[in-house]
Amino acid sequence: MNESTDGNRSIAIFLPSLSGGGAQRVVIDLANALITLGHPVNLILANGTNHYTELLDPSIKLHDLKVKRIRNAVRPLGRWLSDHKPESLLVVQRHAAIVATIAQWSSGWKGKLFARETNTYCYPPEIQRHLTDKLIALIAQRLYLKIAGVIAPSRGIADDLSKCDNVHVIPNPVYVPSSKTIFKHPRPFLLGVGRLCEQKRFSDLLRAFALVVKDFNSTPLDLIILGEGEERDSLHRLAIDLNIYDRVILPGFDPNPFQYMRAAKVFVLSSAWEGLPNALIQAIACNCPVVATDCKHGPREILLDGKWGNLVQVGDIDSMAKSIKLCLKQDRQIYPSNVLDRYNPTVIAKAYSKLLLEIR
């Protein structure tokens, strides 16, 4: 297949929305890189609510299905596939994968359907009480057996999907802006980034920070957590209970976390589970020292078993605090330039285009 012919073939990407989050940022970086390679890209949203539109390459065609719930996207997505007939459709998030599979069946579209699995199926016991999530995961895994392929961002996710024989490991692309803007803050600070939800366990980070503050009481130190979510109020209350309310800052979602990472003393990932945490890779790209939970999946793979950062067990607040204090006492980390080579957007886009456009 020659390059000019391949460049004229269409790739469509479907996801619920571009509301701020790691999976959405991955889609933006991937779509932009595919455009750079010469592939026409159609980005289909169930609902156009978004934070990232300004980051999209203007050549990307944006389609808003304008449905309030992802399940209501079956018919409009089916019509879109029937009308536009893309060669491949890449679907992001399990709910969307189920919808897209039904849309393909009902519309008669003959293209290739791929799903990008963003998270682990090995949830901790306290999360498994959510019956709906377990049911969706089970349905998605069954459907994955019948589509063209499943893309896992980490080896751990691929292992979770061992029953599928069509799994391909392609890491997340990480685009680092050329601008070296640094966030200005009056005091040194720790940084967390992510949705304010149960998965991210920012309550553990607050408790670890409270322990750090006790030992660094004479040194002004703040904690900034970028993100929005349902746990905002409970985190505020916990900060008050821990007597660190005046040191904890929750500015909300910011599409440019890099300026904070360049200034932060330590980046902390406190998650209970992940797929391949982009924020951790972004922090490394900014030469920010990192502390991460050894959760399933991604941190150990990214940090090469702890070579490039401190790994602590999920929920081990004392160890998290100790690792943070160790980082605070050391010089700022300088990572080798080749550490991020496997996350280069161009490299990742080439792997995606080869898979989406050449597998039969």
Protein backbone atom coordinates (compact mmCIF):
# COMPACT_ATOMS: atom_id res chain seq x y z
CA MET A 1 0.00 0.00 0.00
CA ASN A 2 1.51 3.33 -0.98
CA GLU A 3 1.50 6.31 1.34
CA SER A 4 -0.55 8.64 -0.86
CA THR A 5 -3.41 6.14 -1.16
CA ASP A 6 -3.34 5.43 2.56
CA GLY A 7 -3.44 9.16 3.36
CA ASN A 8 -6.82 9.57 1.65
CA ARG A 9 -8.59 6.93 3.69
CA SER A 10 -10.94 8.01 6.43
CA ILE A 11 -10.73 7.23 10.15
CA ALA A 12 -13.63 8.01 12.46
CA ILE A 13 -13.39 8.22 16.24
CA PHE A 14 -16.45 8.00 18.50
CA LEU A 15 -16.63 8.90 22.18
CA PRO A 16 -19.26 10.31 24.56
CA SER A 17 -17.81 13.84 24.77
CA LEU A 18 -14.63 15.86 25.11
CA SER A 19 -15.24 16.77 28.73
CA GLY A 20 -11.96 17.11 30.58
CA GLY A 21 -10.21 13.84 31.32
CA GLY A 22 -7.27 11.63 30.40
CA ALA A 23 -9.13 9.53 27.80
CA GLN A 24 -10.36 12.67 26.07
CA ARG A 25 -6.88 14.18 25.98
CA VAL A 26 -5.57 10.95 24.42
CA VAL A 27 -8.18 11.25 21.65
CA ILE A 28 -7.19 14.86 20.95
CA ASP A 29 -3.48 14.06 20.73
CA LEU A 30 -4.12 10.97 18.59
CA ALA A 31 -6.50 12.75 16.19
CA ASN A 32 -4.08 15.65 15.74
CA ALA A 33 -1.19 13.26 15.05
CA LEU A 34 -3.26 11.30 12.51
CA ILE A 35 -4.02 14.54 10.68
CA THR A 36 -0.29 15.31 10.61
CA LEU A 37 0.27 11.94 8.92
CA GLY A 38 -2.28 12.89 6.25
CA HIS A 39 -5.27 10.81 7.36
CA PRO A 40 -8.73 12.46 7.25
CA VAL A 41 -10.25 12.24 10.72
CA ASN A 42 -13.91 12.53 11.74
CA LEU A 43 -14.50 13.01 15.46
CA ILE A 44 -18.02 11.96 16.49
CA LEU A 45 -19.36 13.02 19.89
CA ALA A 46 -22.54 11.76 21.51
CA ASN A 47 -22.75 15.15 23.18
CA GLY A 48 -20.66 18.16 22.16
CA THR A 49 -19.98 19.26 25.75
CA ASN A 50 -16.23 19.68 25.87
CA HIS A 51 -13.14 21.36 27.28
CA TYR A 52 -10.72 20.57 24.48
CA THR A 53 -12.15 22.01 21.25
CA GLU A 54 -9.47 24.71 21.07
CA LEU A 55 -6.77 22.00 21.00
CA LEU A 56 -8.20 20.25 17.92
CA ASP A 57 -6.48 20.61 14.56
CA PRO A 58 -8.88 22.66 12.39
CA SER A 59 -8.75 19.93 9.70
CA ILE A 60 -10.57 17.49 12.00
CA LYS A 61 -14.27 17.27 11.17
CA LEU A 62 -16.34 17.44 14.35
CA HIS A 63 -19.80 15.81 14.45
CA ASP A 64 -22.15 16.29 17.40
CA LEU A 65 -24.94 13.69 17.66
CA LYS A 66 -26.61 15.91 20.31
CA VAL A 67 -27.96 13.19 22.57
CA LYS A 68 -28.14 13.58 26.33
CA ARG A 69 -27.36 9.95 27.11
CA ILE A 70 -24.84 7.74 25.35
CA ARG A 71 -27.41 4.95 24.92
CA ASN A 72 -29.50 7.28 22.78
CA ALA A 73 -26.67 7.56 20.25
CA VAL A 74 -27.36 4.18 18.58
CA ARG A 75 -29.65 5.47 15.82
CA PRO A 76 -27.85 8.74 14.98
CA LEU A 77 -24.47 6.97 15.01
CA GLY A 78 -25.84 4.23 12.77
CA ARG A 79 -27.16 6.84 10.33
CA TRP A 80 -23.81 8.62 10.33
CA LEU A 81 -21.92 5.38 9.60
CA SER A 82 -24.35 4.47 6.83
CA ASP A 83 -24.05 7.93 5.22
CA HIS A 84 -20.30 8.49 5.53
CA LYS A 85 -18.98 4.91 5.34
CA PRO A 86 -15.60 5.40 7.05
CA GLU A 87 -13.12 2.59 6.58
CA SER A 88 -12.63 2.27 10.34
CA LEU A 89 -14.31 3.43 13.51
CA LEU A 90 -12.29 3.71 16.71
CA VAL A 91 -14.44 3.79 19.84
CA VAL A 92 -13.28 5.09 23.21
CA GLN A 93 -14.89 3.98 26.52
CA ARG A 94 -16.97 0.85 27.16
CA HIS A 95 -20.41 2.46 27.03
CA ALA A 96 -19.56 3.87 23.62
CA ALA A 97 -18.22 0.50 22.42
CA ILE A 98 -21.53 -1.19 23.21
CA VAL A 99 -23.46 1.59 21.45
CA ALA A 100 -21.19 1.48 18.40
CA THR A 101 -21.48 -2.30 18.08
CA ILE A 102 -25.28 -2.11 18.07
CA ALA A 103 -25.14 0.82 15.63
CA GLN A 104 -22.96 -1.23 13.28
CA TRP A 105 -25.30 -4.20 13.38
CA SER A 106 -28.44 -2.11 12.87
CA SER A 107 -27.05 0.13 10.11
CA GLY A 108 -25.37 -2.51 8.01
CA TRP A 109 -22.12 -0.53 7.93
CA LYS A 110 -19.36 -2.87 6.70
CA GLY A 111 -16.30 -1.05 8.04
CA LYS A 112 -13.92 -2.18 10.77
CA LEU A 113 -14.79 -1.47 14.39
CA PHE A 114 -12.05 -1.12 16.98
CA ALA A 115 -12.41 -0.38 20.68
CA ARG A 116 -9.84 1.31 22.87
CA GLU A 117 -10.07 -0.12 26.38
CA THR A 118 -9.08 2.63 28.80
CA ASN A 119 -9.21 0.93 32.17
CA THR A 120 -8.55 -2.25 34.09
CA TYR A 121 -11.19 -4.89 34.76
CA CYS A 122 -9.40 -5.79 38.01
CA TYR A 123 -11.22 -3.32 40.22
CA PRO A 124 -10.49 -3.35 43.96
CA PRO A 125 -13.17 -5.06 46.11
CA GLU A 126 -14.70 -1.79 47.35
CA ILE A 127 -15.50 -0.77 43.77
CA GLN A 128 -17.07 -4.06 42.74
CA ARG A 129 -20.31 -3.16 44.48
CA HIS A 130 -21.30 -1.11 41.44
CA LEU A 131 -23.36 -3.75 39.64
CA THR A 132 -24.02 -1.57 36.59
CA ASP A 133 -20.30 -1.08 35.94
CA LYS A 134 -19.67 -4.81 36.32
CA LEU A 135 -22.48 -5.59 33.87
CA ILE A 136 -21.21 -3.09 31.30
CA ALA A 137 -17.69 -4.51 31.61
CA LEU A 138 -19.02 -8.04 31.09
CA ILE A 139 -21.06 -7.05 28.02
CA ALA A 140 -18.15 -5.11 26.55
CA GLN A 141 -15.78 -8.06 26.94
CA ARG A 142 -18.24 -10.32 25.10
CA LEU A 143 -18.64 -7.79 22.29
CA TYR A 144 -14.88 -7.33 22.01
CA LEU A 145 -14.66 -10.92 20.77
CA LYS A 146 -16.75 -10.01 17.72
CA ILE A 147 -15.15 -6.76 16.53
CA ALA A 148 -12.04 -6.15 14.41
CA GLY A 149 -9.77 -5.44 17.33
CA VAL A 150 -9.25 -4.09 20.83
CA ILE A 151 -6.50 -1.62 21.67
CA ALA A 152 -4.96 -1.74 25.14
CA PRO A 153 -2.72 1.15 26.29
CA SER A 154 -0.70 -1.05 28.64
CA ARG A 155 0.40 -4.66 28.95
CA GLY A 156 -1.67 -4.97 32.13
CA ILE A 157 -4.88 -4.06 30.30
CA ALA A 158 -4.01 -6.57 27.57
CA ASP A 159 -3.58 -9.25 30.24
CA ASP A 160 -7.03 -8.36 31.61
CA LEU A 161 -8.39 -9.05 28.12
CA SER A 162 -6.61 -12.38 27.73
CA LYS A 163 -9.83 -14.08 26.58
CA CYS A 164 -9.75 -11.91 23.45
CA ASP A 165 -7.36 -12.95 20.67
CA ASN A 166 -7.59 -9.58 18.90
CA VAL A 167 -5.87 -7.33 21.46
CA HIS A 168 -3.14 -4.92 20.37
CA VAL A 169 -0.97 -2.97 22.84
CA ILE A 170 -0.46 0.64 21.77
CA PRO A 171 0.51 3.15 24.50
CA ASN A 172 -1.16 6.52 24.87
CA PRO A 173 0.29 9.38 22.85
CA VAL A 174 1.59 12.21 25.01
CA TYR A 175 1.97 15.60 23.42
CA VAL A 176 4.04 18.12 25.36
CA PRO A 177 3.53 21.75 24.26
CA SER A 178 6.65 23.54 23.09
CA SER A 179 5.80 26.48 25.35
CA LYS A 180 7.75 26.35 28.62
CA THR A 181 5.27 28.45 30.60
CA ILE A 182 5.58 27.87 34.34
CA PHE A 183 2.70 28.36 36.75
CA LYS A 184 3.42 31.12 39.26
CA HIS A 185 2.50 30.28 42.84
CA PRO A 186 3.69 32.09 45.97
CA ARG A 187 4.68 28.88 47.79
CA PRO A 188 6.16 25.48 46.88
CA PHE A 189 3.46 22.92 46.11
CA LEU A 190 2.67 19.28 45.49
CA LEU A 191 0.45 18.43 42.52
CA GLY A 192 -2.30 15.93 41.76
CA VAL A 193 -4.22 15.79 38.48
CA GLY A 194 -7.41 13.91 37.67
CA ARG A 195 -11.13 13.68 38.07
CA LEU A 196 -12.26 14.19 41.67
CA CYS A 197 -13.73 10.73 42.01
CA GLU A 198 -13.39 7.46 43.89
CA GLN A 199 -10.89 5.99 41.44
CA LYS A 200 -8.28 8.71 42.02
CA ARG A 201 -8.31 8.42 45.84
CA PHE A 202 -7.37 12.03 46.41
CA SER A 203 -8.53 11.56 50.00
CA ASP A 204 -5.39 9.43 50.49
CA LEU A 205 -3.29 12.22 48.99
CA LEU A 206 -4.81 14.74 51.41
CA ARG A 207 -4.04 12.48 54.37
CA ALA A 208 -0.47 11.92 53.17
CA PHE A 209 -0.06 15.66 52.64
CA ALA A 210 -1.22 16.29 56.21
CA LEU A 211 1.58 14.01 57.44
CA VAL A 212 4.13 15.79 55.25
CA VAL A 213 3.01 19.19 56.55
CA LYS A 214 3.69 18.08 60.13
CA ASP A 215 7.35 17.40 59.33
CA PHE A 216 7.73 20.48 57.10
CA ASN A 217 5.77 22.81 59.35
CA SER A 218 8.39 25.54 59.13
CA THR A 219 8.39 25.35 55.30
CA PRO A 220 5.34 26.76 53.48
CA LEU A 221 3.91 24.00 51.28
CA ASP A 222 0.61 23.73 49.40
CA LEU A 223 -1.25 20.96 47.60
CA ILE A 224 -2.89 21.74 44.25
CA ILE A 225 -5.26 19.21 42.66
CA LEU A 226 -6.41 19.94 39.11
CA GLY A 227 -9.76 18.44 38.14
CA GLU A 228 -13.49 18.43 38.69
CA GLY A 229 -15.82 15.75 39.99
CA GLU A 230 -18.34 14.54 42.49
CA GLU A 231 -15.88 14.39 45.41
CA ARG A 232 -15.06 18.12 45.45
CA ASP A 233 -17.22 18.83 48.53
CA SER A 234 -16.04 15.78 50.46
CA LEU A 235 -12.41 16.70 49.78
CA HIS A 236 -13.06 20.21 51.07
CA ARG A 237 -14.56 18.77 54.25
CA LEU A 238 -11.64 16.37 54.70
CA ALA A 239 -9.15 19.22 54.29
CA ILE A 240 -10.95 21.07 57.09
CA ASP A 241 -10.93 17.97 59.33
CA LEU A 242 -7.19 17.50 58.72
CA ASN A 243 -6.50 21.18 59.46
CA ILE A 244 -4.92 21.73 56.04
CA TYR A 245 -7.79 23.63 54.43
CA ASP A 246 -5.69 26.77 53.92
CA ARG A 247 -3.01 24.72 52.12
CA VAL A 248 -5.24 22.71 49.72
CA ILE A 249 -6.22 24.35 46.43
CA LEU A 250 -8.78 22.88 44.00
CA PRO A 251 -8.77 25.23 40.99
CA GLY A 252 -10.82 22.89 38.80
CA PHE A 253 -10.02 21.48 35.37
CA ASP A 254 -7.17 23.01 33.37
CA PRO A 255 -6.39 21.80 29.82
CA ASN A 256 -2.75 22.79 30.36
CA PRO A 257 -1.44 20.87 33.40
CA PHE A 258 2.11 21.17 32.08
CA GLN A 259 2.64 24.66 33.48
CA TYR A 260 1.84 23.29 36.96
CA MET A 261 4.04 20.21 36.48
CA ARG A 262 7.03 22.35 35.57
CA ALA A 263 6.65 24.23 38.86
CA ALA A 264 5.55 21.46 41.24
CA LYS A 265 7.98 20.03 43.78
CA VAL A 266 6.41 16.57 43.46
CA PHE A 267 3.64 15.06 41.34
CA VAL A 268 1.58 12.42 43.16
CA LEU A 269 -0.65 9.79 41.56
CA SER A 270 -2.83 8.28 44.31
CA SER A 271 -5.19 6.17 42.17
CA ALA A 272 -6.79 2.85 43.13
CA TRP A 273 -6.66 1.70 39.50
CA GLU A 274 -5.72 3.06 36.08
CA GLY A 275 -5.24 2.03 32.45
CA LEU A 276 -2.14 4.01 31.55
CA PRO A 277 -2.17 7.30 33.48
CA ASN A 278 -1.32 10.10 31.09
CA ALA A 279 -0.80 12.60 33.89
CA LEU A 280 2.09 10.51 35.21
CA ILE A 281 3.75 10.49 31.78
CA GLN A 282 3.15 14.23 31.41
CA ALA A 283 4.81 14.89 34.77
CA ILE A 284 7.87 12.92 33.69
CA ALA A 285 7.96 14.93 30.45
CA CYS A 286 8.17 18.06 32.63
CA ASN A 287 11.02 16.58 34.73
CA CYS A 288 8.83 16.63 37.82
CA PRO A 289 9.69 14.12 40.57
CA VAL A 290 6.87 11.58 40.91
CA VAL A 291 5.30 9.36 43.54
CA ALA A 292 2.69 6.87 42.32
CA THR A 293 0.61 4.05 43.69
CA ASP A 294 1.53 0.63 42.34
CA CYS A 295 -2.01 0.14 41.09
CA LYS A 296 -3.35 -1.90 38.19
CA HIS A 297 -2.35 -0.83 35.61
CA GLY A 298 0.29 1.49 34.22
CA PRO A 299 2.43 3.15 36.92
CA ARG A 300 4.89 0.27 37.27
CA GLU A 301 5.13 -0.04 33.49
CA ILE A 302 5.69 3.72 33.02
CA LEU A 303 8.21 4.01 35.86
CA LEU A 304 10.11 0.85 34.86
CA ASP A 305 9.52 -0.93 38.17
CA GLY A 306 10.36 2.21 40.15
CA LYS A 307 13.47 3.28 38.26
CA TRP A 308 11.96 6.66 37.30
CA GLY A 309 9.85 7.30 40.39
CA ASN A 310 8.67 6.05 43.76
CA LEU A 311 5.99 3.33 43.84
CA VAL A 312 3.84 2.79 46.95
CA GLN A 313 1.01 0.40 47.66
CA VAL A 314 -2.55 1.64 47.13
CA GLY A 315 -3.89 3.04 50.39
CA ASP A 316 -0.52 3.07 52.17
CA ILE A 317 -0.67 6.68 53.33
CA ASP A 318 2.44 6.48 55.53
CA SER A 319 4.58 5.20 52.65
CA MET A 320 3.15 7.84 50.33
CA ALA A 321 4.06 10.57 52.82
CA LYS A 322 7.58 9.15 53.28
CA SER A 323 8.15 9.03 49.51
CA ILE A 324 6.91 12.61 49.11
CA LYS A 325 9.26 13.80 51.87
CA LEU A 326 12.16 11.96 50.21
CA CYS A 327 11.44 13.74 46.91
CA LEU A 328 11.23 17.11 48.65
CA LYS A 329 14.72 16.63 50.05
CA GLN A 330 16.25 15.74 46.67
CA ASP A 331 17.17 17.81 43.64
CA ARG A 332 14.63 18.05 40.82
CA GLN A 333 14.59 14.95 38.62
CA ILE A 334 16.07 15.14 35.12
CA TYR A 335 14.85 12.20 33.03
CA PRO A 336 16.74 10.92 29.96
CA SER A 337 15.20 12.22 26.74
CA ASN A 338 14.49 8.70 25.44
CA VAL A 339 12.23 7.81 28.40
CA LEU A 340 9.26 9.27 26.50
CA ASP A 341 10.07 7.90 23.03
CA ARG A 342 7.42 5.17 23.20
CA TYR A 343 4.72 7.79 23.87
CA ASN A 344 5.65 10.04 20.93
CA PRO A 345 2.38 11.04 19.19
CA THR A 346 3.76 10.45 15.70
CA VAL A 347 5.00 6.97 16.61
CA ILE A 348 1.65 6.13 18.23
CA ALA A 349 -0.37 7.56 15.31
CA LYS A 350 1.59 5.41 12.85
CA ALA A 351 0.81 2.31 14.92
CA TYR A 352 -2.90 3.23 15.01
CA SER A 353 -3.08 4.00 11.29
CA LYS A 354 -1.39 0.72 10.41
CA LEU A 355 -3.88 -1.17 12.57
CA LEU A 356 -7.03 0.72 11.61
CA LEU A 357 -6.37 0.86 7.89
CA GLU A 358 -4.47 -2.31 7.05
CA ILE A 359 -5.88 -5.18 9.11
CA ARG A 360 -8.50 -7.23 7.29
